[in-house]
Amino acid sequence: MEQITWQDFEKVAIRVGTIIEVADFPRAKNPAYQLLIDFGPELGIKRSSAQITKLYTEENLVGKQIVAVVNFPVKQVANFFSECLVLGVVGDDKEIVLLQPDRTVRNGLQIG
């Protein structure tokens, strides 16, 4: 595994947000959802494509707090522009378990 410096880590903006809207994403190459995530007044609402359909339904995602990298460049996935990367643990079977705080916190708080 390649090591990074503390300065490298400080460049990554990892923040907490709340999923406010979920939609199916039929044009994605792999099963995915389109998410709208509220990162608070400083960062606002960001969109993300997430391949989390194996363990999560649209209904149980709305209102869930997640952890995401918010300072990647926008990435086009099919006809959708993803503005952040939702973080999760990738299991052996490629099922993704979302990372989330163990209690509710203010949207936009920095992970560090």
C-alpha atoms as a PDB file:
ATOM      1  CA  MET A   1       0.000   0.000   0.000  1.00  0.00           C
ATOM      2  CA  GLU A   2       1.302   3.406  -0.976  1.00  0.00           C
ATOM      3  CA  GLN A   3       1.769   5.821   1.910  1.00  0.00           C
ATOM      4  CA  ILE A   4       0.564   9.417   1.764  1.00  0.00           C
ATOM      5  CA  THR A   5       1.669  12.429   3.711  1.00  0.00           C
ATOM      6  CA  TRP A   6      -0.390  14.322   6.258  1.00  0.00           C
ATOM      7  CA  GLN A   7      -0.532  17.173   3.717  1.00  0.00           C
ATOM      8  CA  ASP A   8      -2.078  14.745   1.181  1.00  0.00           C
ATOM      9  CA  PHE A   9      -4.782  13.784   3.672  1.00  0.00           C
ATOM     10  CA  GLU A  10      -5.528  17.420   4.509  1.00  0.00           C
ATOM     11  CA  LYS A  11      -6.430  18.031   0.842  1.00  0.00           C
ATOM     12  CA  VAL A  12      -9.348  15.578   1.009  1.00  0.00           C
ATOM     13  CA  ALA A  13     -12.597  17.222   2.130  1.00  0.00           C
ATOM     14  CA  ILE A  14     -14.630  14.452   3.778  1.00  0.00           C
ATOM     15  CA  ARG A  15     -17.948  15.709   5.112  1.00  0.00           C
ATOM     16  CA  VAL A  16     -21.188  14.457   6.648  1.00  0.00           C
ATOM     17  CA  GLY A  17     -24.416  14.968   4.727  1.00  0.00           C
ATOM     18  CA  THR A  18     -28.027  13.793   4.807  1.00  0.00           C
ATOM     19  CA  ILE A  19     -29.642  12.072   1.846  1.00  0.00           C
ATOM     20  CA  ILE A  20     -32.764  14.052   0.960  1.00  0.00           C
ATOM     21  CA  GLU A  21     -33.796  12.401  -2.309  1.00  0.00           C
ATOM     22  CA  VAL A  22     -33.178   9.066  -4.047  1.00  0.00           C
ATOM     23  CA  ALA A  23     -34.032   7.987  -7.600  1.00  0.00           C
ATOM     24  CA  ASP A  24     -33.374   4.870  -9.637  1.00  0.00           C
ATOM     25  CA  PHE A  25     -30.591   5.250 -12.193  1.00  0.00           C
ATOM     26  CA  PRO A  26     -31.499   2.917 -15.086  1.00  0.00           C
ATOM     27  CA  ARG A  27     -28.869   4.361 -17.472  1.00  0.00           C
ATOM     28  CA  ALA A  28     -25.959   3.464 -15.155  1.00  0.00           C
ATOM     29  CA  LYS A  29     -23.769   0.583 -16.311  1.00  0.00           C
ATOM     30  CA  ASN A  30     -24.090  -1.104 -12.893  1.00  0.00           C
ATOM     31  CA  PRO A  31     -27.195  -0.890 -10.668  1.00  0.00           C
ATOM     32  CA  ALA A  32     -27.116   2.468  -8.883  1.00  0.00           C
ATOM     33  CA  TYR A  33     -29.152   5.255  -7.345  1.00  0.00           C
ATOM     34  CA  GLN A  34     -29.024   8.981  -7.996  1.00  0.00           C
ATOM     35  CA  LEU A  35     -28.766  10.755  -4.633  1.00  0.00           C
ATOM     36  CA  LEU A  36     -29.335  14.350  -3.551  1.00  0.00           C
ATOM     37  CA  ILE A  37     -27.365  15.031  -0.375  1.00  0.00           C
ATOM     38  CA  ASP A  38     -27.610  18.063   1.923  1.00  0.00           C
ATOM     39  CA  PHE A  39     -24.182  19.122   3.193  1.00  0.00           C
ATOM     40  CA  GLY A  40     -25.428  22.169   5.091  1.00  0.00           C
ATOM     41  CA  PRO A  41     -25.360  25.893   4.315  1.00  0.00           C
ATOM     42  CA  GLU A  42     -21.647  26.082   3.452  1.00  0.00           C
ATOM     43  CA  LEU A  43     -21.656  23.363   0.764  1.00  0.00           C
ATOM     44  CA  GLY A  44     -25.342  23.095  -0.081  1.00  0.00           C
ATOM     45  CA  ILE A  45     -26.948  20.208  -1.964  1.00  0.00           C
ATOM     46  CA  LYS A  46     -24.749  17.866  -4.008  1.00  0.00           C
ATOM     47  CA  ARG A  47     -25.609  15.012  -6.346  1.00  0.00           C
ATOM     48  CA  SER A  48     -24.003  11.585  -6.343  1.00  0.00           C
ATOM     49  CA  SER A  49     -24.354   8.297  -8.163  1.00  0.00           C
ATOM     50  CA  ALA A  50     -23.971   5.367  -5.768  1.00  0.00           C
ATOM     51  CA  GLN A  51     -23.889   1.629  -6.443  1.00  0.00           C
ATOM     52  CA  ILE A  52     -25.617   0.734  -3.178  1.00  0.00           C
ATOM     53  CA  THR A  53     -28.739  -1.027  -4.467  1.00  0.00           C
ATOM     54  CA  LYS A  54     -27.919  -4.467  -3.017  1.00  0.00           C
ATOM     55  CA  LEU A  55     -28.314  -3.480   0.645  1.00  0.00           C
ATOM     56  CA  TYR A  56     -30.370  -0.272   0.535  1.00  0.00           C
ATOM     57  CA  THR A  57     -33.809   0.694  -0.762  1.00  0.00           C
ATOM     58  CA  GLU A  58     -34.836   4.174  -1.780  1.00  0.00           C
ATOM     59  CA  GLU A  59     -37.108   4.366   1.250  1.00  0.00           C
ATOM     60  CA  ASN A  60     -34.444   3.508   3.847  1.00  0.00           C
ATOM     61  CA  LEU A  61     -31.900   5.927   2.348  1.00  0.00           C
ATOM     62  CA  VAL A  62     -33.923   9.136   2.636  1.00  0.00           C
ATOM     63  CA  GLY A  63     -32.955  10.875   5.882  1.00  0.00           C
ATOM     64  CA  LYS A  64     -29.809   8.766   6.386  1.00  0.00           C
ATOM     65  CA  GLN A  65     -26.585  10.610   7.195  1.00  0.00           C
ATOM     66  CA  ILE A  66     -23.577   9.525   5.137  1.00  0.00           C
ATOM     67  CA  VAL A  67     -19.895  10.376   4.763  1.00  0.00           C
ATOM     68  CA  ALA A  68     -18.615  11.634   1.393  1.00  0.00           C
ATOM     69  CA  VAL A  69     -15.629  13.214  -0.324  1.00  0.00           C
ATOM     70  CA  VAL A  70     -16.885  16.575  -1.566  1.00  0.00           C
ATOM     71  CA  ASN A  71     -13.887  18.048  -3.394  1.00  0.00           C
ATOM     72  CA  PHE A  72     -13.459  15.710  -6.362  1.00  0.00           C
ATOM     73  CA  PRO A  73     -14.085  17.174  -9.819  1.00  0.00           C
ATOM     74  CA  VAL A  74     -17.581  16.537 -11.202  1.00  0.00           C
ATOM     75  CA  LYS A  75     -17.777  13.112 -12.857  1.00  0.00           C
ATOM     76  CA  GLN A  76     -20.240  12.265 -15.617  1.00  0.00           C
ATOM     77  CA  VAL A  77     -21.905   8.864 -15.222  1.00  0.00           C
ATOM     78  CA  ALA A  78     -24.145   8.233 -18.241  1.00  0.00           C
ATOM     79  CA  ASN A  79     -26.439  11.304 -18.359  1.00  0.00           C
ATOM     80  CA  PHE A  80     -25.849  12.253 -14.689  1.00  0.00           C
ATOM     81  CA  PHE A  81     -23.209  14.538 -13.156  1.00  0.00           C
ATOM     82  CA  SER A  82     -21.912  13.240  -9.816  1.00  0.00           C
ATOM     83  CA  GLU A  83     -20.527  15.969  -7.525  1.00  0.00           C
ATOM     84  CA  CYS A  84     -19.285  13.906  -4.572  1.00  0.00           C
ATOM     85  CA  LEU A  85     -18.194  10.370  -3.675  1.00  0.00           C
ATOM     86  CA  VAL A  86     -20.286   8.619  -1.023  1.00  0.00           C
ATOM     87  CA  LEU A  87     -18.012   6.395   1.075  1.00  0.00           C
ATOM     88  CA  GLY A  88     -18.688   2.811   2.040  1.00  0.00           C
ATOM     89  CA  VAL A  89     -17.049  -0.478   2.918  1.00  0.00           C
ATOM     90  CA  VAL A  90     -16.807  -2.814  -0.083  1.00  0.00           C
ATOM     91  CA  GLY A  91     -17.407  -6.433   0.937  1.00  0.00           C
ATOM     92  CA  ASP A  92     -16.037  -9.535  -0.750  1.00  0.00           C
ATOM     93  CA  ASP A  93     -19.281  -9.878  -2.694  1.00  0.00           C
ATOM     94  CA  LYS A  94     -19.114  -6.196  -3.830  1.00  0.00           C
ATOM     95  CA  GLU A  95     -21.946  -5.228  -1.470  1.00  0.00           C
ATOM     96  CA  ILE A  96     -21.328  -1.736  -0.140  1.00  0.00           C
ATOM     97  CA  VAL A  97     -22.079  -0.796   3.471  1.00  0.00           C
ATOM     98  CA  LEU A  98     -22.318   2.978   3.863  1.00  0.00           C
ATOM     99  CA  LEU A  99     -20.081   4.828   6.301  1.00  0.00           C
ATOM    100  CA  GLN A 100     -22.092   7.015   8.648  1.00  0.00           C
ATOM    101  CA  PRO A 101     -21.739   8.731  12.017  1.00  0.00           C
ATOM    102  CA  ASP A 102     -23.038   6.697  14.974  1.00  0.00           C
ATOM    103  CA  ARG A 103     -25.173   9.660  16.077  1.00  0.00           C
ATOM    104  CA  THR A 104     -26.773  12.562  14.249  1.00  0.00           C
ATOM    105  CA  VAL A 105     -24.424  15.486  13.629  1.00  0.00           C
ATOM    106  CA  ARG A 106     -24.727  18.787  11.781  1.00  0.00           C
ATOM    107  CA  ASN A 107     -24.554  18.457   8.003  1.00  0.00           C
ATOM    108  CA  GLY A 108     -21.267  19.654   6.532  1.00  0.00           C
ATOM    109  CA  LEU A 109     -19.041  18.757   9.477  1.00  0.00           C
ATOM    110  CA  GLN A 110     -15.517  17.714   8.427  1.00  0.00           C
ATOM    111  CA  ILE A 111     -14.183  14.214   9.038  1.00  0.00           C
ATOM    112  CA  GLY A 112     -10.655  14.353  10.391  1.00  0.00           C
END
